[in-house]
N, C-alpha and C. Protein backbone atom coordinates (compact mmCIF):
# COMPACT_ATOMS: atom_id res chain seq x y z
N MET A 1 0.89 -1.01 0.11
CA MET A 1 -0.06 0.33 0.02
C MET A 1 0.88 1.37 0.14
N ASP A 2 0.55 2.05 -0.88
CA ASP A 2 1.54 3.38 -0.92
C ASP A 2 0.78 4.64 -0.41
N GLY A 3 1.28 5.57 -0.12
CA GLY A 3 0.84 6.91 0.79
C GLY A 3 -0.57 7.11 0.01
N TYR A 4 -0.93 7.24 -1.31
CA TYR A 4 -2.05 7.40 -2.09
C TYR A 4 -3.27 6.56 -1.45
N GLU A 5 -2.95 5.37 -1.31
CA GLU A 5 -4.04 4.69 -0.76
C GLU A 5 -4.11 4.65 0.51
N VAL A 6 -2.91 5.17 1.43
CA VAL A 6 -3.46 5.36 2.84
C VAL A 6 -4.25 6.55 2.98
N ALA A 7 -4.22 7.48 2.20
CA ALA A 7 -4.84 8.76 2.55
C ALA A 7 -6.52 8.37 1.91
N ILE A 8 -6.56 7.58 0.81
CA ILE A 8 -8.07 7.34 0.38
C ILE A 8 -8.50 6.33 1.64
N ARG A 9 -8.04 5.53 2.13
CA ARG A 9 -8.55 4.47 3.27
C ARG A 9 -8.60 5.52 4.52
N ILE A 10 -8.02 6.48 4.83
CA ILE A 10 -8.41 7.38 5.75
C ILE A 10 -9.42 8.01 5.62
N HIS A 11 -9.54 8.41 4.43
CA HIS A 11 -10.91 9.62 4.31
C HIS A 11 -12.10 8.48 4.12
N GLU A 12 -11.92 7.25 3.78
CA GLU A 12 -12.96 6.32 3.66
C GLU A 12 -13.54 5.82 5.28
N ARG A 13 -12.42 5.94 6.02
CA ARG A 13 -12.55 5.08 7.29
C ARG A 13 -13.26 6.27 8.21
N PHE A 14 -12.90 7.39 7.88
CA PHE A 14 -13.60 8.66 8.73
C PHE A 14 -14.60 9.28 7.87
N ALA A 15 -15.29 8.95 7.18
CA ALA A 15 -16.34 9.45 6.30
C ALA A 15 -17.08 10.00 7.05
N SER A 16 -17.69 9.28 8.02
CA SER A 16 -19.02 9.31 8.96
C SER A 16 -18.72 10.76 9.79
N LEU A 17 -17.61 11.12 10.02
CA LEU A 17 -17.11 12.01 10.94
C LEU A 17 -17.70 13.64 10.29
N HIS A 18 -17.87 14.45 11.11
CA HIS A 18 -18.24 15.88 10.61
C HIS A 18 -16.87 16.44 9.83
N GLU A 19 -15.55 16.54 10.58
CA GLU A 19 -14.60 16.56 10.03
C GLU A 19 -13.38 15.44 9.93
N ARG A 20 -12.99 15.20 8.93
CA ARG A 20 -11.93 14.25 8.88
C ARG A 20 -10.93 14.53 9.10
N PRO A 21 -9.99 13.32 9.73
CA PRO A 21 -8.47 14.00 10.11
C PRO A 21 -7.69 14.62 8.94
N LEU A 22 -6.89 15.47 9.17
CA LEU A 22 -6.13 15.95 8.40
C LEU A 22 -5.13 15.05 7.70
N VAL A 23 -4.62 15.25 6.64
CA VAL A 23 -3.34 14.13 5.98
C VAL A 23 -2.29 15.02 5.47
N VAL A 24 -1.34 14.77 5.97
CA VAL A 24 0.07 15.45 5.39
C VAL A 24 0.82 14.27 4.78
N ALA A 25 1.32 14.48 3.58
CA ALA A 25 2.17 13.52 2.88
C ALA A 25 3.59 14.21 3.46
N LEU A 26 4.74 13.00 3.62
CA LEU A 26 6.12 13.02 3.48
C LEU A 26 6.73 12.40 2.40
N THR A 27 7.29 13.35 1.59
CA THR A 27 7.89 12.58 0.44
C THR A 27 9.08 13.57 0.02
N VAL A 28 9.97 12.70 -1.03
CA VAL A 28 11.31 13.34 -1.22
C VAL A 28 10.95 13.93 -2.60
N SER A 29 9.84 13.64 -3.24
CA SER A 29 9.44 14.35 -4.56
C SER A 29 8.61 15.74 -4.41
N ALA A 30 9.11 16.74 -5.04
CA ALA A 30 8.58 17.87 -5.22
C ALA A 30 7.77 18.24 -6.50
N ASP A 31 7.78 17.21 -7.59
CA ASP A 31 7.50 17.58 -8.65
C ASP A 31 5.70 17.52 -8.74
N LYS A 32 5.59 18.18 -9.95
CA LYS A 32 4.05 18.70 -10.06
C LYS A 32 2.96 17.33 -9.96
N VAL A 33 3.65 16.21 -10.47
CA VAL A 33 2.78 15.26 -10.56
C VAL A 33 2.37 14.59 -9.02
N THR A 34 3.57 14.71 -8.30
CA THR A 34 3.24 13.94 -6.98
C THR A 34 2.25 15.08 -6.13
N ARG A 35 2.56 16.20 -6.34
CA ARG A 35 1.67 17.04 -5.64
C ARG A 35 0.19 17.13 -6.26
N GLU A 36 -0.04 16.93 -7.38
CA GLU A 36 -1.19 16.74 -8.19
C GLU A 36 -2.11 15.47 -7.70
N ASN A 37 -1.22 14.39 -7.42
CA ASN A 37 -1.66 13.21 -6.94
C ASN A 37 -2.00 13.24 -5.62
N CYS A 38 -1.33 14.21 -4.78
CA CYS A 38 -1.88 14.24 -3.33
C CYS A 38 -2.91 14.89 -3.44
N LEU A 39 -3.29 16.03 -3.96
CA LEU A 39 -4.56 16.68 -3.96
C LEU A 39 -5.57 16.07 -4.41
N ARG A 40 -5.41 14.77 -5.23
CA ARG A 40 -6.43 14.15 -6.09
C ARG A 40 -7.06 13.23 -4.97
N VAL A 41 -6.11 12.65 -3.89
CA VAL A 41 -6.46 11.90 -2.93
C VAL A 41 -6.88 12.15 -1.77
N GLY A 42 -6.85 13.67 -1.28
CA GLY A 42 -7.44 14.37 -0.51
C GLY A 42 -6.53 14.62 0.35
N VAL A 43 -4.95 14.81 -0.04
CA VAL A 43 -3.96 14.99 0.94
C VAL A 43 -4.09 16.51 1.36
N ASP A 44 -4.19 17.04 2.61
CA ASP A 44 -4.35 18.57 2.94
C ASP A 44 -2.88 19.31 2.62
N GLY A 45 -1.69 18.54 3.02
CA GLY A 45 -0.73 19.46 2.82
C GLY A 45 0.97 18.31 2.58
N VAL A 46 2.01 18.90 2.30
CA VAL A 46 2.73 18.13 1.98
C VAL A 46 4.08 18.40 2.54
N LEU A 47 4.85 17.66 3.22
CA LEU A 47 6.28 17.96 3.72
C LEU A 47 7.27 17.35 2.87
N LEU A 48 8.44 18.08 2.43
CA LEU A 48 9.45 17.24 1.79
C LEU A 48 10.56 16.79 2.69
N LYS A 49 10.87 15.61 2.61
CA LYS A 49 11.91 14.91 3.24
C LYS A 49 13.43 15.39 2.65
N PRO A 50 14.33 15.64 3.51
CA PRO A 50 14.17 15.85 5.04
C PRO A 50 13.39 17.15 5.52
N PHE A 51 12.85 17.19 6.64
CA PHE A 51 12.08 18.39 6.83
C PHE A 51 12.58 18.72 8.50
N SER A 52 12.40 20.04 8.85
CA SER A 52 12.82 20.49 9.94
C SER A 52 11.71 20.28 10.88
N LEU A 53 11.78 20.74 12.27
CA LEU A 53 10.75 20.40 13.04
C LEU A 53 9.94 21.92 12.94
N ASP A 54 10.36 22.61 12.72
CA ASP A 54 10.05 24.33 12.27
C ASP A 54 9.09 24.01 11.11
N LYS A 55 9.65 23.37 10.13
CA LYS A 55 8.77 23.40 9.06
C LYS A 55 7.48 22.44 9.09
N MET A 56 7.58 21.38 9.96
CA MET A 56 6.18 20.80 10.18
C MET A 56 5.40 21.55 10.77
N LYS A 57 5.89 22.34 11.92
CA LYS A 57 5.01 23.08 12.39
C LYS A 57 4.17 23.99 12.00
N SER A 58 4.94 24.60 11.08
CA SER A 58 4.38 25.65 9.93
C SER A 58 3.62 25.18 9.24
N VAL A 59 3.34 23.93 8.75
CA VAL A 59 2.81 23.28 7.88
C VAL A 59 1.36 22.87 8.35
N LEU A 60 1.65 22.19 9.71
CA LEU A 60 0.39 21.76 10.71
C LEU A 60 -0.32 23.06 11.05
N SER A 61 0.23 24.04 11.50
CA SER A 61 -0.32 25.58 12.11
C SER A 61 -0.93 26.14 10.85
N GLU A 62 -0.65 25.70 9.42
CA GLU A 62 -1.40 26.70 8.63
C GLU A 62 -2.78 25.79 8.22
N LEU A 63 -2.71 24.58 8.16
CA LEU A 63 -3.65 23.78 8.03
C LEU A 63 -4.94 23.73 9.14
N LEU A 64 -4.00 23.85 10.46
CA LEU A 64 -5.35 23.80 11.51
C LEU A 64 -5.93 25.37 11.35
N GLU A 65 -5.01 26.31 11.21
CA GLU A 65 -5.77 27.70 11.03
C GLU A 65 -6.93 27.88 9.84
N LYS A 66 -6.38 27.17 8.51
CA LYS A 66 -7.41 27.16 7.85
C LYS A 66 -8.95 26.28 8.21
N ARG A 67 -8.51 25.45 8.96
CA ARG A 67 -9.84 24.06 9.34
C ARG A 67 -10.83 25.19 10.39
N LEU A 68 -9.92 25.81 11.49
CA LEU A 68 -10.72 26.63 12.32
C LEU A 68 -11.06 27.79 11.69
N SER A 69 -10.69 28.34 10.74
CA SER A 69 -11.59 29.72 10.15
C SER A 69 -12.60 29.19 9.50
N ARG A 70 -12.80 27.77 8.95
CA ARG A 70 -13.98 27.30 8.57
C ARG A 70 -15.29 26.95 9.38
N VAL A 71 -14.43 26.65 10.62
CA VAL A 71 -15.51 25.86 11.67
C VAL A 71 -15.95 27.36 12.57
N VAL A 72 -15.04 28.42 12.91
CA VAL A 72 -15.49 29.38 13.53
C VAL A 72 -15.90 30.55 12.69
N LYS A 73 -16.87 31.05 12.44
CA LYS A 73 -17.12 31.93 11.38
C LYS A 73 -17.75 33.08 12.36
N PRO A 74 -17.42 34.02 11.96
CA PRO A 74 -18.10 35.40 12.89
C PRO A 74 -19.39 35.55 12.66
C-alpha cells in the first residue's frame, strides 16, 4: 500500500465524521505530478523530506488555521 492508498483509506474510514482527520504527505519528490496526485486523493499538505521541526510546525499550523477559520465564522 502506498501513501496515496493510505490517504484514500483514511478518508473512507472517517467518512462518517463531521471533520475528517488532516492528512499530510511526507515525500522526497517535489514534482508537479506528485503534488497533483496528493491533492487528487485528498492530502491536505505536503512535507518534503528531509524536513525540520519548524517546517512541520508551520505546515500543521497553516492547516489547522484553515480548518478553524471554516469552523469558527463570526
